[in-house]
Amino acid sequence: MLYRRFGRTEIEMPVFSCGGMRYQQSWSDMPLGEVEAGNQANLEATIRRSVELGINHIETARGYGSSERQLGEVLPTFKRDKLIVQTKIAPKADAGEFVAEFRDSLKRLKLEYVDLLGIHGINTHEHLWWATKPKGCLAAARQLVKEGLVRHVGFSTHGTPALIRDAVNYKGADDHGFDYVNLHWYYIFQQNWGAIEDATKHDMGVFIISPSDKGGMLYRPPEKLKTLCHPLHPLVFNCVYCLSRPQVHTLSLGASCPEDFELQMSSLLLLGQADTILPPIEAVLEAAMEEAVGRELAHDFKKGLPQWDGAPGYINVLTILWLRNLALGWGMVEYAKMRYNLLGNGGHWFHGLNAAHAEDVDVAGALQGSPFAEKIGEYLAEAHEMLYETPKKRLSES
């Protein structure tokens, strides 16, 4: 296993982390007595395989259903100083509720402390205010550090790039903001690189959320993408791409069973060759996208477009054009459908609306800053026709 210094926390972090979103019994909270023996055995085997491979960062959240309770039956069986444990608690307007939920999480995990406590889902400026206001969640988390219940405090986010940078750059009265950030950044989605650069300046740890799932459902890639990424598997290509940046410290590996580690682990053998093996694949991917959607749209679809809250009808035009490109250029239709149908149905985790009502607003008139203003209505209609299905719930709501 390869380890990287996790910013100013000084933790030697494995470059893969064992994220806890896929191996638990249920996304709904449930007592341990209702957990199936087979599921618990699989979870334990997954954690033991993770640690065996050197992936000793175990990451979960209060909002991951039965995950914490089930981990509480396994984590105490390891030497505590051999594990790096992270849990996450959603921000609250009342910091007392945040602390109460954390204390409950600690009981579920059956641990005396956690190494990393993340404020889970700073996705809006209201959430950021709840975290950073006087006597807010961040101040409460710092008090938990003083009590010895937490070692370091960070945040996770699905917010806009501007919001994330605001949070990364936040400095309190004590000139001490967050110690680390969990955010999305991978080959198909690079808009948060500025936030990573800011985090690097502040010596923060950088944890990449779900690069194999939200990064393209790469554990079951479409045939076209597999061909374009040859000779690498798309998942391996993405891992090497992400880890070739020293500013990135760890990638969440959302294992559902012990076998899920093997493909990602194989990418470590290729990191020393990243400068040689990545550029040819990137060139093939770029050429395929240009051929499918045109050179200008392939590279400049974001130009002049506002974020969802400044777009006509709150339609998330940026995301929709991005998904259209992925579907047409690289055959990522299944992934694009999954993401598209969460628009308007995923709360603050998936911002903005889909294009169902695009005909009811003056899209072209409102988006004159885009070089594609006159065509965007057509692109939105095409994307809706191609991607819309009966809306699916978020994984955590299923």
Protein backbone atom coordinates (compact mmCIF):
# COMPACT_ATOMS: atom_id res chain seq x y z
CA MET A 1 0.00 0.00 0.00
CA LEU A 2 1.10 3.55 -0.69
CA TYR A 3 0.59 6.20 1.98
CA ARG A 4 0.46 9.98 1.76
CA ARG A 5 0.61 12.66 4.43
CA PHE A 6 -3.00 13.81 4.97
CA GLY A 7 -2.21 17.48 5.15
CA ARG A 8 -1.71 19.11 8.54
CA THR A 9 -3.37 16.21 10.32
CA GLU A 10 0.00 14.47 9.82
CA ILE A 11 -1.88 11.18 9.38
CA GLU A 12 -0.15 8.73 7.06
CA MET A 13 -3.20 8.01 4.93
CA PRO A 14 -3.47 5.05 2.56
CA VAL A 15 -4.18 6.25 -0.97
CA PHE A 16 -7.31 4.11 -0.92
CA SER A 17 -9.90 4.43 1.85
CA CYS A 18 -12.57 1.89 2.73
CA GLY A 19 -15.74 3.93 2.28
CA GLY A 20 -18.81 2.61 4.06
CA MET A 21 -21.66 3.18 1.62
CA ARG A 22 -22.14 -0.23 0.04
CA TYR A 23 -21.58 -3.08 2.50
CA GLN A 24 -24.14 -2.33 5.21
CA GLN A 25 -27.47 -4.11 5.60
CA SER A 26 -29.72 -1.11 5.11
CA TRP A 27 -29.81 2.61 4.34
CA SER A 28 -32.45 2.87 7.04
CA ASP A 29 -31.38 2.82 10.66
CA MET A 30 -32.12 -0.54 12.23
CA PRO A 31 -31.21 -2.46 15.40
CA LEU A 32 -28.40 -4.98 15.19
CA GLY A 33 -30.84 -7.79 15.93
CA GLU A 34 -32.40 -7.26 12.50
CA VAL A 35 -29.12 -7.44 10.61
CA GLU A 36 -28.79 -10.67 8.63
CA ALA A 37 -25.92 -12.89 9.72
CA GLY A 38 -24.69 -13.20 6.14
CA ASN A 39 -24.55 -9.45 5.67
CA GLN A 40 -22.64 -8.94 8.91
CA ALA A 41 -20.19 -11.68 7.96
CA ASN A 42 -19.62 -10.02 4.58
CA LEU A 43 -19.05 -6.63 6.22
CA GLU A 44 -16.54 -8.11 8.64
CA ALA A 45 -14.73 -9.95 5.85
CA THR A 46 -14.61 -6.73 3.82
CA ILE A 47 -13.08 -4.75 6.68
CA ARG A 48 -10.56 -7.47 7.46
CA ARG A 49 -9.52 -7.68 3.80
CA SER A 50 -9.19 -3.90 3.71
CA VAL A 51 -6.88 -3.80 6.72
CA GLU A 52 -4.96 -6.80 5.42
CA LEU A 53 -4.21 -4.81 2.25
CA GLY A 54 -3.05 -1.82 4.27
CA ILE A 55 -6.26 0.15 3.71
CA ASN A 56 -6.65 1.07 7.36
CA HIS A 57 -8.81 4.16 6.87
CA ILE A 58 -12.39 3.10 7.52
CA GLU A 59 -14.90 5.80 6.58
CA THR A 60 -18.60 5.93 7.39
CA ALA A 61 -21.34 8.37 8.45
CA ARG A 62 -24.23 8.72 10.83
CA GLY A 63 -26.47 8.91 7.77
CA TYR A 64 -25.36 5.59 6.29
CA GLY A 65 -28.18 3.57 7.80
CA SER A 66 -26.93 0.56 9.73
CA SER A 67 -23.26 1.11 8.82
CA GLU A 68 -22.03 2.50 12.14
CA ARG A 69 -23.85 -0.09 14.23
CA GLN A 70 -22.45 -2.93 12.14
CA LEU A 71 -18.93 -1.50 12.19
CA GLY A 72 -19.21 -1.30 15.96
CA GLU A 73 -19.18 -5.11 16.03
CA VAL A 74 -15.92 -5.22 14.06
CA LEU A 75 -13.69 -2.19 14.65
CA PRO A 76 -13.08 -2.82 18.36
CA THR A 77 -11.51 -6.18 17.47
CA PHE A 78 -8.54 -4.36 15.91
CA LYS A 79 -5.76 -2.54 17.75
CA ARG A 80 -7.12 0.99 17.88
CA ASP A 81 -3.87 2.69 16.89
CA LYS A 82 -3.75 0.60 13.71
CA LEU A 83 -6.98 2.12 12.37
CA ILE A 84 -7.93 5.55 11.02
CA VAL A 85 -11.68 5.92 11.58
CA GLN A 86 -13.81 8.67 10.09
CA THR A 87 -17.48 9.28 10.65
CA LYS A 88 -19.56 12.21 9.46
CA ILE A 89 -22.47 14.11 11.00
CA ALA A 90 -24.81 16.38 9.05
CA PRO A 91 -24.67 20.09 9.92
CA LYS A 92 -27.41 21.36 12.20
CA ALA A 93 -28.77 24.82 12.95
CA ASP A 94 -28.47 23.79 16.61
CA ALA A 95 -24.91 22.64 17.34
CA GLY A 96 -26.22 20.77 20.38
CA GLU A 97 -28.07 18.40 18.05
CA PHE A 98 -24.87 17.90 16.05
CA VAL A 99 -22.95 16.96 19.21
CA ALA A 100 -25.73 14.65 20.41
CA GLU A 101 -25.68 12.79 17.09
CA PHE A 102 -21.90 12.48 17.24
CA ARG A 103 -21.99 11.04 20.75
CA ASP A 104 -24.58 8.54 19.57
CA SER A 105 -22.34 7.62 16.62
CA LEU A 106 -19.40 7.03 18.94
CA LYS A 107 -21.55 4.64 20.98
CA ARG A 108 -22.63 2.82 17.83
CA LEU A 109 -19.02 2.49 16.70
CA LYS A 110 -18.02 1.31 20.21
CA LEU A 111 -14.91 3.48 20.08
CA GLU A 112 -13.42 5.94 22.55
CA TYR A 113 -12.62 8.44 19.79
CA VAL A 114 -12.58 8.92 16.02
CA ASP A 115 -9.56 10.15 14.12
CA LEU A 116 -11.60 12.22 11.68
CA LEU A 117 -14.98 13.88 12.14
CA GLY A 118 -16.52 15.33 9.00
CA ILE A 119 -19.38 17.81 8.89
CA HIS A 120 -21.39 15.84 6.37
CA GLY A 121 -22.83 17.63 3.38
CA ILE A 122 -21.94 21.32 3.45
CA ASN A 123 -23.91 21.67 0.23
CA THR A 124 -25.44 25.13 0.65
CA HIS A 125 -24.35 28.41 2.16
CA GLU A 126 -26.91 27.84 4.90
CA HIS A 127 -25.07 24.62 5.83
CA LEU A 128 -21.76 26.51 5.79
CA TRP A 129 -23.24 29.11 8.14
CA TRP A 130 -24.53 26.42 10.49
CA ALA A 131 -21.00 25.04 10.59
CA THR A 132 -19.01 28.25 10.94
CA LYS A 133 -21.26 30.66 12.86
CA PRO A 134 -20.31 31.51 16.45
CA LYS A 135 -21.05 28.44 18.60
CA GLY A 136 -21.85 26.50 15.44
CA CYS A 137 -20.98 22.91 14.49
CA LEU A 138 -17.32 23.58 13.77
CA ALA A 139 -16.82 25.21 17.17
CA ALA A 140 -18.64 22.27 18.76
CA ALA A 141 -16.42 19.81 16.90
CA ARG A 142 -13.33 21.67 18.12
CA GLN A 143 -14.61 21.24 21.65
CA LEU A 144 -14.89 17.50 21.00
CA VAL A 145 -11.23 17.58 19.97
CA LYS A 146 -10.38 19.17 23.32
CA GLU A 147 -12.34 16.41 25.06
CA GLY A 148 -10.26 13.75 23.28
CA LEU A 149 -13.23 12.32 21.37
CA VAL A 150 -12.06 13.58 17.95
CA ARG A 151 -8.58 14.09 16.53
CA HIS A 152 -9.26 16.22 13.41
CA VAL A 153 -12.25 18.03 11.88
CA GLY A 154 -13.16 18.36 8.20
CA PHE A 155 -16.18 18.50 5.95
CA SER A 156 -17.71 16.69 2.99
CA THR A 157 -19.57 18.41 0.19
CA HIS A 158 -21.61 18.06 -2.99
CA GLY A 159 -21.80 21.84 -3.31
CA THR A 160 -20.95 24.18 -6.17
CA PRO A 161 -17.27 24.93 -6.81
CA ALA A 162 -17.67 28.46 -5.40
CA LEU A 163 -19.27 27.19 -2.20
CA ILE A 164 -16.59 24.55 -1.71
CA ARG A 165 -13.86 27.15 -2.08
CA ASP A 166 -15.62 29.36 0.45
CA ALA A 167 -15.59 26.49 2.94
CA VAL A 168 -12.00 25.47 2.19
CA ASN A 169 -10.81 29.05 2.63
CA TYR A 170 -12.80 29.68 5.81
CA LYS A 171 -10.73 30.84 8.75
CA GLY A 172 -12.29 31.34 12.14
CA ALA A 173 -11.35 33.82 14.84
CA ASP A 174 -8.61 31.40 15.89
CA ASP A 175 -7.31 31.34 12.28
CA HIS A 176 -8.11 27.64 12.11
CA GLY A 177 -10.68 26.37 9.66
CA PHE A 178 -11.21 22.79 8.52
CA ASP A 179 -8.39 20.23 8.60
CA TYR A 180 -9.51 18.28 5.56
CA VAL A 181 -12.12 18.10 2.81
CA ASN A 182 -14.06 15.25 1.19
CA LEU A 183 -15.11 16.31 -2.32
CA HIS A 184 -15.78 15.09 -5.85
CA TRP A 185 -13.00 15.27 -8.42
CA TYR A 186 -12.05 12.69 -11.05
CA TYR A 187 -11.37 12.42 -14.77
CA ILE A 188 -14.93 13.03 -15.94
CA PHE A 189 -15.51 15.87 -13.45
CA GLN A 190 -12.66 18.29 -12.86
CA GLN A 191 -14.52 21.46 -11.84
CA ASN A 192 -13.35 21.22 -8.22
CA TRP A 193 -9.64 21.39 -8.98
CA GLY A 194 -9.53 24.99 -7.79
CA ALA A 195 -10.82 23.89 -4.40
CA ILE A 196 -8.13 21.21 -4.24
CA GLU A 197 -5.48 23.81 -5.03
CA ASP A 198 -6.86 26.01 -2.24
CA ALA A 199 -6.86 23.06 0.16
CA THR A 200 -3.23 22.37 -0.73
CA LYS A 201 -2.30 25.97 0.09
CA HIS A 202 -3.91 25.53 3.50
CA ASP A 203 -2.22 22.16 4.02
CA MET A 204 -5.58 20.37 4.26
CA GLY A 205 -6.11 16.67 3.68
CA VAL A 206 -7.87 15.88 0.39
CA PHE A 207 -10.21 12.89 0.19
CA ILE A 208 -11.93 12.11 -3.13
CA ILE A 209 -15.51 10.90 -2.79
CA SER A 210 -16.69 7.90 -4.81
CA PRO A 211 -14.36 8.06 -7.85
CA SER A 212 -15.45 4.63 -9.06
CA ASP A 213 -19.23 5.13 -8.69
CA LYS A 214 -20.03 8.85 -8.92
CA GLY A 215 -16.92 9.04 -11.11
CA GLY A 216 -18.70 7.07 -13.83
CA MET A 217 -20.02 3.75 -12.47
CA LEU A 218 -16.65 2.42 -13.57
CA TYR A 219 -17.06 -0.98 -11.94
CA ARG A 220 -19.39 -1.76 -14.89
CA PRO A 221 -18.25 0.55 -17.69
CA PRO A 222 -19.91 0.62 -21.12
CA GLU A 223 -18.13 -1.20 -23.92
CA LYS A 224 -17.30 2.03 -25.72
CA LEU A 225 -15.50 3.43 -22.69
CA LYS A 226 -13.61 0.17 -22.19
CA THR A 227 -12.41 0.36 -25.78
CA LEU A 228 -11.39 4.01 -25.48
CA CYS A 229 -9.41 3.38 -22.27
CA HIS A 230 -7.57 0.32 -23.60
CA PRO A 231 -5.14 -1.08 -22.48
CA LEU A 232 -6.37 -0.03 -19.04
CA HIS A 233 -9.70 -0.79 -17.46
CA PRO A 234 -11.58 2.54 -17.11
CA LEU A 235 -11.58 2.19 -13.32
CA VAL A 236 -7.81 1.67 -13.27
CA PHE A 237 -7.31 4.60 -15.65
CA ASN A 238 -9.32 6.84 -13.33
CA CYS A 239 -7.42 5.72 -10.23
CA VAL A 240 -4.06 6.36 -11.87
CA TYR A 241 -5.29 9.70 -13.20
CA CYS A 242 -6.42 10.85 -9.74
CA LEU A 243 -3.44 9.54 -7.80
CA SER A 244 -0.94 10.95 -10.29
CA ARG A 245 -1.72 14.30 -8.61
CA PRO A 246 0.20 14.56 -5.32
CA GLN A 247 -2.40 17.08 -4.09
CA VAL A 248 -4.85 14.15 -3.87
CA HIS A 249 -4.23 12.05 -0.78
CA THR A 250 -6.82 9.27 -0.83
CA LEU A 251 -9.63 7.86 -2.97
CA SER A 252 -12.73 6.36 -1.40
CA LEU A 253 -13.02 2.73 -2.41
CA GLY A 254 -16.66 1.86 -1.81
CA ALA A 255 -16.26 -1.88 -1.43
CA SER A 256 -19.37 -4.05 -1.15
CA CYS A 257 -17.43 -7.29 -0.61
CA PRO A 258 -13.82 -8.42 -0.12
CA GLU A 259 -13.30 -8.97 -3.85
CA ASP A 260 -13.96 -5.32 -4.70
CA PHE A 261 -10.45 -4.20 -3.75
CA GLU A 262 -8.49 -6.08 -6.36
CA LEU A 263 -9.01 -3.93 -9.48
CA GLN A 264 -8.26 -0.66 -7.70
CA MET A 265 -5.20 -2.13 -6.02
CA SER A 266 -3.76 -3.08 -9.41
CA SER A 267 -3.53 0.61 -10.29
CA LEU A 268 -0.80 1.14 -7.70
CA LEU A 269 1.64 -0.81 -9.87
CA LEU A 270 1.13 1.73 -12.66
CA LEU A 271 1.56 5.01 -10.81
CA GLY A 272 5.24 5.24 -11.69
CA GLN A 273 4.26 5.08 -15.37
CA ALA A 274 1.49 7.66 -15.21
CA ASP A 275 3.30 10.21 -17.39
CA THR A 276 3.63 7.57 -20.11
CA ILE A 277 0.35 5.67 -19.99
CA LEU A 278 -2.17 8.45 -19.31
CA PRO A 279 -1.61 10.91 -22.20
CA PRO A 280 -2.38 8.47 -25.04
CA ILE A 281 -5.63 7.39 -23.38
CA GLU A 282 -6.60 10.99 -22.68
CA ALA A 283 -5.96 11.82 -26.35
CA VAL A 284 -8.23 8.98 -27.50
CA LEU A 285 -10.98 10.05 -25.10
CA GLU A 286 -10.70 13.66 -26.24
CA ALA A 287 -10.86 12.70 -29.91
CA ALA A 288 -13.93 10.52 -29.35
CA MET A 289 -15.72 13.36 -27.55
CA GLU A 290 -14.87 15.85 -30.29
CA GLU A 291 -16.13 13.48 -32.95
CA ALA A 292 -19.40 12.90 -31.10
CA VAL A 293 -20.37 16.45 -30.08
CA GLY A 294 -18.02 18.74 -31.97
CA ARG A 295 -14.73 20.28 -30.90
CA GLU A 296 -16.19 23.48 -29.46
CA LEU A 297 -18.90 21.79 -27.39
CA ALA A 298 -16.46 19.13 -26.20
CA HIS A 299 -14.15 21.71 -24.66
CA ASP A 300 -16.25 24.81 -24.02
CA PHE A 301 -19.76 23.65 -23.06
CA LYS A 302 -19.34 25.29 -19.63
CA LYS A 303 -18.35 28.68 -21.03
CA GLY A 304 -20.66 31.48 -19.96
CA LEU A 305 -23.10 29.20 -18.13
CA PRO A 306 -24.24 29.98 -14.58
CA GLN A 307 -24.58 27.46 -11.81
CA TRP A 308 -28.05 25.97 -11.36
CA ASP A 309 -29.31 28.73 -9.04
CA GLY A 310 -28.61 31.36 -11.69
CA ALA A 311 -30.00 29.38 -14.62
CA PRO A 312 -33.46 29.91 -16.19
CA GLY A 313 -36.09 27.89 -14.36
CA TYR A 314 -33.36 26.56 -12.04
CA ILE A 315 -32.54 24.02 -14.75
CA ASN A 316 -29.08 22.60 -14.07
CA VAL A 317 -27.91 23.34 -17.60
CA LEU A 318 -24.24 22.77 -16.78
CA THR A 319 -24.85 19.27 -15.48
CA ILE A 320 -27.25 18.35 -18.27
CA LEU A 321 -24.85 19.37 -21.05
CA TRP A 322 -22.07 17.49 -19.25
CA LEU A 323 -24.19 14.33 -19.03
CA ARG A 324 -25.23 14.66 -22.68
CA ASN A 325 -21.56 14.81 -23.66
CA LEU A 326 -20.69 11.74 -21.57
CA ALA A 327 -23.54 9.73 -23.08
CA LEU A 328 -22.80 10.69 -26.68
CA GLY A 329 -19.02 10.81 -26.52
CA TRP A 330 -18.12 7.85 -24.34
CA GLY A 331 -21.27 5.72 -24.27
CA MET A 332 -21.94 6.48 -20.60
CA VAL A 333 -25.71 6.38 -20.97
CA GLU A 334 -26.44 4.34 -17.84
CA TYR A 335 -24.40 6.71 -15.69
CA ALA A 336 -25.94 9.77 -17.33
CA LYS A 337 -29.45 8.43 -16.70
CA MET A 338 -28.67 7.76 -13.07
CA ARG A 339 -27.41 11.30 -12.52
CA TYR A 340 -30.02 13.03 -14.70
CA ASN A 341 -32.97 11.50 -12.92
CA LEU A 342 -31.71 12.69 -9.55
CA LEU A 343 -32.07 16.31 -10.65
CA GLY A 344 -35.07 17.64 -8.79
CA ASN A 345 -35.24 14.46 -6.70
CA GLY A 346 -32.02 14.44 -4.71
CA GLY A 347 -32.53 17.43 -2.42
CA HIS A 348 -29.44 19.53 -1.71
CA TRP A 349 -27.19 16.61 -2.72
CA PHE A 350 -28.10 17.01 -6.42
CA HIS A 351 -28.80 20.61 -7.28
CA GLY A 352 -31.26 22.05 -9.75
CA LEU A 353 -33.92 20.61 -12.04
CA ASN A 354 -33.91 18.52 -15.19
CA ALA A 355 -35.02 19.83 -18.56
CA ALA A 356 -38.66 18.70 -18.39
CA HIS A 357 -39.92 22.29 -18.37
CA ALA A 358 -37.23 23.86 -20.57
CA GLU A 359 -39.81 24.88 -23.16
CA ASP A 360 -41.55 27.04 -20.55
CA VAL A 361 -38.60 29.40 -20.07
CA ASP A 362 -36.52 31.58 -22.38
CA VAL A 363 -33.38 29.47 -22.25
CA ALA A 364 -31.62 31.16 -25.17
CA GLY A 365 -32.43 34.66 -23.94
CA ALA A 366 -31.26 33.95 -20.42
CA LEU A 367 -27.98 32.31 -21.44
CA GLN A 368 -26.56 34.84 -23.88
CA GLY A 369 -23.18 34.52 -22.21
CA SER A 370 -22.85 31.04 -23.71
CA PRO A 371 -21.54 30.65 -27.26
CA PHE A 372 -24.15 27.89 -27.63
CA ALA A 373 -27.11 29.95 -26.40
CA GLU A 374 -29.21 29.42 -29.53
CA LYS A 375 -28.63 25.66 -29.48
CA ILE A 376 -28.94 24.95 -25.75
CA GLY A 377 -32.72 24.48 -25.91
CA GLU A 378 -32.21 21.80 -28.54
CA TYR A 379 -29.47 20.12 -26.48
CA LEU A 380 -31.67 20.10 -23.39
CA ALA A 381 -34.60 18.55 -25.26
CA GLU A 382 -32.31 15.89 -26.72
CA ALA A 383 -30.85 15.10 -23.32
CA HIS A 384 -34.28 14.79 -21.74
CA GLU A 385 -35.47 12.46 -24.50
CA MET A 386 -32.36 10.30 -24.16
CA LEU A 387 -31.98 10.21 -20.38
CA TYR A 388 -35.29 10.74 -18.62
CA GLU A 389 -36.80 7.81 -16.75
CA THR A 390 -39.18 7.51 -13.84
CA PRO A 391 -37.21 9.28 -11.10
CA LYS A 392 -35.14 7.06 -8.85
CA LYS A 393 -34.42 7.73 -5.20
CA ARG A 394 -30.95 8.47 -3.96
CA LEU A 395 -29.10 5.40 -2.75
CA SER A 396 -29.54 6.56 0.84
CA GLU A 397 -33.32 6.75 0.36
CA SER A 398 -33.78 3.31 -1.21
